[in-house]
């Protein structure tokens, strides 16, 4: 592959940079500006094969991950970190999304940044709020929704949240 790069890509890059330089000299009437334009074109073209190789490798990794999802007991998982023991079951947020109407607000009662991030992204277009008093729904992970300064009624407990644990997510409706 390296030989192909040296034999084919380098001459093509040099030819393209020359064409850019020549065109820039004619239009700009400045050898310095034409040199900068040719250098930028050459740098972009020289980096292209590696960028294409990286994109292909990422696509292969994604496809392997997608295929592995079919084999998991309990359905697909969302792994938002490199710690594969902290993968969240995708069906958990699907259940939460089916409970909370799209035009209502929710509050996430959790210290887990992973749960908060996951809720904020997976529940769009629902709006997350900063205070339980502004919400119609409360999502509690490792916390008691009854301890909040609003009255709630428990709607559903969804467990397990993470692929490797027994922790649950409690979905509660704020009672006016």
Foldseek 3Di string as FASTA:
>chain_A
DVVCCVPPQVVVLVVVLVVQLVVCCVVVVDNVVSNVRSVVSSVVSNCVVVVVVVVVVVVVVVVVLVVVQVPDPQGGWQDPDPPLQQTFHPVQLVVVLVVDDQAFEEEEADPDPVVVVCCCPSNPPHHYDDARVRGQKYKYWPDDPPPHPFDWDWDDWDDDGTPNDTTIITMIGTDD
